[in-house]
N, C-alpha and C. Protein backbone atom coordinates (compact mmCIF):
# COMPACT_ATOMS: atom_id res chain seq x y z
N MET A 1 3.70 -15.52 -10.57
CA MET A 1 2.94 -16.14 -9.60
C MET A 1 3.77 -16.50 -8.33
N LEU A 2 3.18 -16.05 -7.00
CA LEU A 2 3.82 -16.59 -6.01
C LEU A 2 3.24 -17.35 -4.89
N GLY A 3 3.35 -18.29 -4.42
CA GLY A 3 2.91 -19.18 -3.59
C GLY A 3 3.20 -18.89 -2.34
N MET A 4 2.39 -19.08 -1.15
CA MET A 4 2.62 -19.02 0.25
C MET A 4 1.89 -19.94 1.11
N LEU A 5 2.27 -20.32 2.23
CA LEU A 5 1.51 -21.11 3.18
C LEU A 5 1.53 -20.44 4.28
N PHE A 6 0.05 -20.39 4.75
CA PHE A 6 0.01 -19.78 6.14
C PHE A 6 -0.73 -20.61 7.09
N ASN A 7 -0.29 -20.73 8.29
CA ASN A 7 -1.06 -21.29 9.46
C ASN A 7 -2.51 -20.54 9.65
N GLU A 8 -3.24 -21.11 10.56
CA GLU A 8 -4.61 -20.53 10.88
C GLU A 8 -4.45 -19.01 11.50
N LYS A 9 -3.43 -18.96 12.46
CA LYS A 9 -3.35 -17.73 13.21
C LYS A 9 -2.72 -16.40 11.98
N GLU A 10 -2.02 -16.98 11.16
CA GLU A 10 -1.40 -15.93 10.11
C GLU A 10 -2.22 -15.59 9.15
N CYS A 11 -3.56 -16.51 8.74
CA CYS A 11 -4.42 -16.40 7.95
C CYS A 11 -5.34 -15.29 8.55
N LYS A 12 -5.54 -15.41 9.86
CA LYS A 12 -6.59 -14.59 10.52
C LYS A 12 -6.00 -13.19 10.55
N GLU A 13 -4.50 -13.12 10.78
CA GLU A 13 -3.91 -11.77 10.93
C GLU A 13 -3.73 -11.15 9.58
N LEU A 14 -3.64 -11.77 8.38
CA LEU A 14 -3.67 -11.15 7.14
C LEU A 14 -4.93 -10.80 6.70
N ASP A 15 -6.25 -11.36 6.99
CA ASP A 15 -7.33 -11.05 6.87
C ASP A 15 -7.69 -9.80 7.70
N TYR A 16 -7.23 -9.78 8.88
CA TYR A 16 -7.39 -8.47 9.65
C TYR A 16 -6.83 -7.21 8.82
N VAL A 17 -5.40 -7.59 8.61
CA VAL A 17 -4.49 -6.44 7.96
C VAL A 17 -5.04 -6.02 6.85
N LEU A 18 -5.50 -6.84 5.81
CA LEU A 18 -6.21 -6.25 4.55
C LEU A 18 -7.62 -5.61 4.63
N ARG A 19 -8.33 -6.14 5.56
CA ARG A 19 -9.64 -5.41 6.11
C ARG A 19 -9.36 -4.06 6.35
N LYS A 20 -8.48 -3.73 7.33
CA LYS A 20 -8.23 -2.42 7.79
C LYS A 20 -7.63 -1.60 6.93
N GLU A 21 -6.85 -2.21 5.86
CA GLU A 21 -6.20 -1.33 4.86
C GLU A 21 -7.40 -1.03 3.98
N LEU A 22 -8.29 -1.81 3.55
CA LEU A 22 -9.43 -1.67 2.52
C LEU A 22 -10.39 -0.43 3.24
N ASP A 23 -10.65 -0.92 4.59
CA ASP A 23 -11.41 0.30 5.19
C ASP A 23 -10.58 1.70 5.29
N GLU A 24 -9.48 1.74 5.40
CA GLU A 24 -8.66 3.20 5.40
C GLU A 24 -8.87 3.90 3.89
N MET A 25 -8.55 2.85 3.02
CA MET A 25 -8.55 3.50 1.69
C MET A 25 -9.87 3.98 1.14
N LEU A 26 -10.87 3.14 1.57
CA LEU A 26 -12.34 3.70 1.47
C LEU A 26 -12.63 4.97 2.16
N LEU A 27 -12.00 5.41 3.26
CA LEU A 27 -12.28 6.41 3.88
C LEU A 27 -11.45 7.59 3.35
N ASP A 28 -10.30 7.32 2.71
CA ASP A 28 -9.51 8.21 1.71
C ASP A 28 -9.96 8.54 0.70
N LEU A 29 -10.64 7.67 0.08
CA LEU A 29 -11.39 7.82 -1.28
C LEU A 29 -12.56 8.67 -1.32
N SER A 30 -13.25 8.62 0.18
CA SER A 30 -14.31 9.53 0.21
C SER A 30 -14.03 10.95 0.66
N ASP A 31 -12.58 11.14 0.85
CA ASP A 31 -12.29 12.57 1.18
C ASP A 31 -12.32 13.51 0.10
N GLN A 32 -12.94 14.33 -0.36
CA GLN A 32 -12.93 15.30 -1.39
C GLN A 32 -11.91 16.23 -1.51
N ARG A 33 -11.23 16.31 -0.24
CA ARG A 33 -10.12 17.44 -0.07
C ARG A 33 -8.83 16.83 -0.71
N LEU A 34 -8.63 15.59 -1.03
CA LEU A 34 -7.51 14.84 -1.50
C LEU A 34 -7.39 15.10 -3.00
N ASP A 35 -6.19 15.58 -3.56
CA ASP A 35 -6.01 15.68 -4.94
C ASP A 35 -6.66 14.54 -5.89
N GLN A 36 -7.06 14.99 -6.85
CA GLN A 36 -7.66 13.90 -7.90
C GLN A 36 -6.59 12.78 -8.26
N ASN A 37 -5.38 13.11 -8.37
CA ASN A 37 -4.30 12.29 -8.66
C ASN A 37 -4.02 11.28 -7.55
N ILE A 38 -4.16 11.92 -6.22
CA ILE A 38 -3.84 10.87 -5.15
C ILE A 38 -5.07 9.93 -4.88
N ARG A 39 -6.00 10.38 -5.25
CA ARG A 39 -7.48 9.57 -5.03
C ARG A 39 -7.22 8.44 -6.15
N HIS A 40 -6.71 8.77 -7.28
CA HIS A 40 -6.72 7.90 -8.35
C HIS A 40 -5.58 6.68 -8.12
N ALA A 41 -4.46 7.04 -7.41
CA ALA A 41 -3.44 6.22 -6.97
C ALA A 41 -3.94 5.14 -5.88
N ILE A 42 -4.68 5.97 -4.97
CA ILE A 42 -5.38 5.11 -4.12
C ILE A 42 -6.36 4.17 -4.58
N ALA A 43 -7.27 4.43 -5.53
CA ALA A 43 -8.14 3.71 -6.21
C ALA A 43 -7.22 2.70 -6.61
N ASN A 44 -6.30 2.54 -7.46
CA ASN A 44 -5.58 1.69 -8.09
C ASN A 44 -4.84 0.57 -6.89
N ARG A 45 -4.47 1.32 -6.02
CA ARG A 45 -3.93 0.39 -4.72
C ARG A 45 -5.13 -0.47 -4.26
N TYR A 46 -6.27 -0.05 -4.19
CA TYR A 46 -7.44 -0.49 -3.54
C TYR A 46 -7.94 -1.93 -4.40
N LYS A 47 -7.97 -1.55 -5.79
CA LYS A 47 -8.25 -2.82 -6.35
C LYS A 47 -7.31 -4.06 -6.19
N THR A 48 -5.83 -3.58 -6.10
CA THR A 48 -4.96 -4.68 -5.96
C THR A 48 -5.15 -5.24 -4.42
N VAL A 49 -5.56 -4.59 -3.72
CA VAL A 49 -5.63 -5.19 -2.17
C VAL A 49 -6.93 -5.90 -2.29
N PHE A 50 -8.14 -5.32 -2.64
CA PHE A 50 -9.34 -6.10 -2.91
C PHE A 50 -9.15 -7.47 -3.40
N ARG A 51 -8.43 -7.40 -4.50
CA ARG A 51 -8.24 -8.74 -5.31
C ARG A 51 -7.55 -9.69 -4.31
N MET A 52 -6.53 -9.23 -3.67
CA MET A 52 -5.78 -10.11 -2.48
C MET A 52 -6.86 -10.67 -1.80
N TYR A 53 -7.48 -9.81 -1.19
CA TYR A 53 -8.66 -10.03 0.01
C TYR A 53 -9.63 -11.17 -0.55
N ALA A 54 -10.11 -10.99 -1.90
CA ALA A 54 -10.96 -11.66 -2.48
C ALA A 54 -10.59 -13.08 -2.63
N ARG A 55 -9.28 -13.58 -2.65
CA ARG A 55 -8.93 -14.75 -2.58
C ARG A 55 -9.28 -15.81 -1.40
N PHE A 56 -9.41 -15.18 -0.37
CA PHE A 56 -9.86 -16.08 0.60
C PHE A 56 -11.06 -15.50 1.63
N ALA A 57 -11.74 -14.57 1.13
CA ALA A 57 -12.71 -13.99 2.06
C ALA A 57 -13.94 -14.57 1.74
N PRO A 58 -14.77 -14.67 2.68
CA PRO A 58 -16.22 -15.32 2.21
C PRO A 58 -16.86 -14.12 1.36
N GLN A 59 -17.68 -14.82 0.53
CA GLN A 59 -18.83 -13.72 -0.02
C GLN A 59 -19.29 -12.66 0.46
N LYS A 60 -19.85 -12.99 1.58
CA LYS A 60 -20.57 -12.11 2.44
C LYS A 60 -19.72 -10.93 2.95
N GLU A 61 -18.43 -11.13 3.06
CA GLU A 61 -17.54 -10.17 3.49
C GLU A 61 -17.07 -9.29 2.27
N LEU A 62 -16.85 -10.15 1.24
CA LEU A 62 -16.61 -9.02 0.04
C LEU A 62 -17.57 -8.28 -0.29
N SER A 63 -18.87 -8.63 -0.12
CA SER A 63 -19.92 -7.37 -0.55
C SER A 63 -19.68 -6.15 0.34
N ARG A 64 -18.96 -6.41 1.55
CA ARG A 64 -18.88 -5.15 2.24
C ARG A 64 -17.99 -3.92 1.86
N TYR A 65 -16.98 -4.82 0.99
CA TYR A 65 -15.61 -3.95 0.40
C TYR A 65 -16.08 -3.86 -0.96
N ALA A 66 -16.90 -4.26 -1.57
CA ALA A 66 -17.38 -4.10 -2.92
C ALA A 66 -17.44 -2.45 -3.32
N TRP A 67 -16.94 -1.99 -4.24
CA TRP A 67 -16.86 -0.79 -4.70
C TRP A 67 -18.01 -0.14 -5.46
N GLY A 68 -18.72 -1.04 -6.07
CA GLY A 68 -19.89 -0.71 -6.95
C GLY A 68 -19.68 0.56 -7.71
N GLY A 69 -20.66 1.36 -7.84
CA GLY A 69 -20.61 2.56 -9.02
C GLY A 69 -19.68 3.58 -8.58
N ARG A 70 -18.95 3.51 -7.28
CA ARG A 70 -18.25 4.63 -6.80
C ARG A 70 -16.86 4.86 -7.39
N SER A 71 -16.46 3.69 -8.08
CA SER A 71 -15.30 3.62 -9.01
C SER A 71 -15.19 4.67 -9.98
N SER A 72 -16.27 5.16 -10.68
CA SER A 72 -16.78 5.94 -11.96
C SER A 72 -16.12 7.27 -11.36
N GLN A 73 -16.38 7.64 -10.39
CA GLN A 73 -16.00 9.10 -9.79
C GLN A 73 -14.54 9.45 -9.69
N PHE A 74 -13.70 8.16 -9.75
CA PHE A 74 -12.11 8.22 -9.50
C PHE A 74 -11.55 8.32 -11.09
N LYS A 75 -12.21 8.25 -12.11
CA LYS A 75 -11.57 7.87 -13.40
C LYS A 75 -11.37 9.58 -14.07
N HIS A 76 -10.43 9.55 -14.80
CA HIS A 76 -10.14 10.81 -15.41
C HIS A 76 -10.95 11.06 -16.52
């Protein structure tokens, strides 16, 4: 476990960076041209970044990035 302290500006920046990364990964995951192994790696990374974002994001924002049933299409 690692603890970090952020000021308000840094929190907003982290929020922005994580949201943009989640958006980009969702876009990549919807791209059927990508190899299954690559999509699986992106899906694993998405879960990690989503958990990071979920620690401080409002519930309303979390639902926007919730993966829902789409995760089953990336399993082997």
